[in-house]
Amino acid sequence: MELLGEKPATEMFNFRSPAFKKLVLNRDRLSNEDLIGLMLKEPRLVRRPVVRIGEKVYFGADRSVLESVIPGA
């Protein structure tokens, strides 16, 4: 919850994960609480990398995004 802040859990959730596909769930029917519960049970459902720089948190950021926000990268 601390990492998400005001963001919806969908920003942190990896819907492309094989672990999610095996669950055969309708993503449109899952609440923030449902998604958080699923991530707690199965960490592979968290979009990685998770990078925190100061007050900002980036989920699943690619190299170009990280290079643009990390000083000197």
Foldseek 3Di string as FASTA:
>chain_A
DQQCVPHALVQFFACVDPVNVVVPDDPVPAHSVNRVVVCVVPVVRTADDWDDDPNHIHGNDDPVVVVVPDPPD
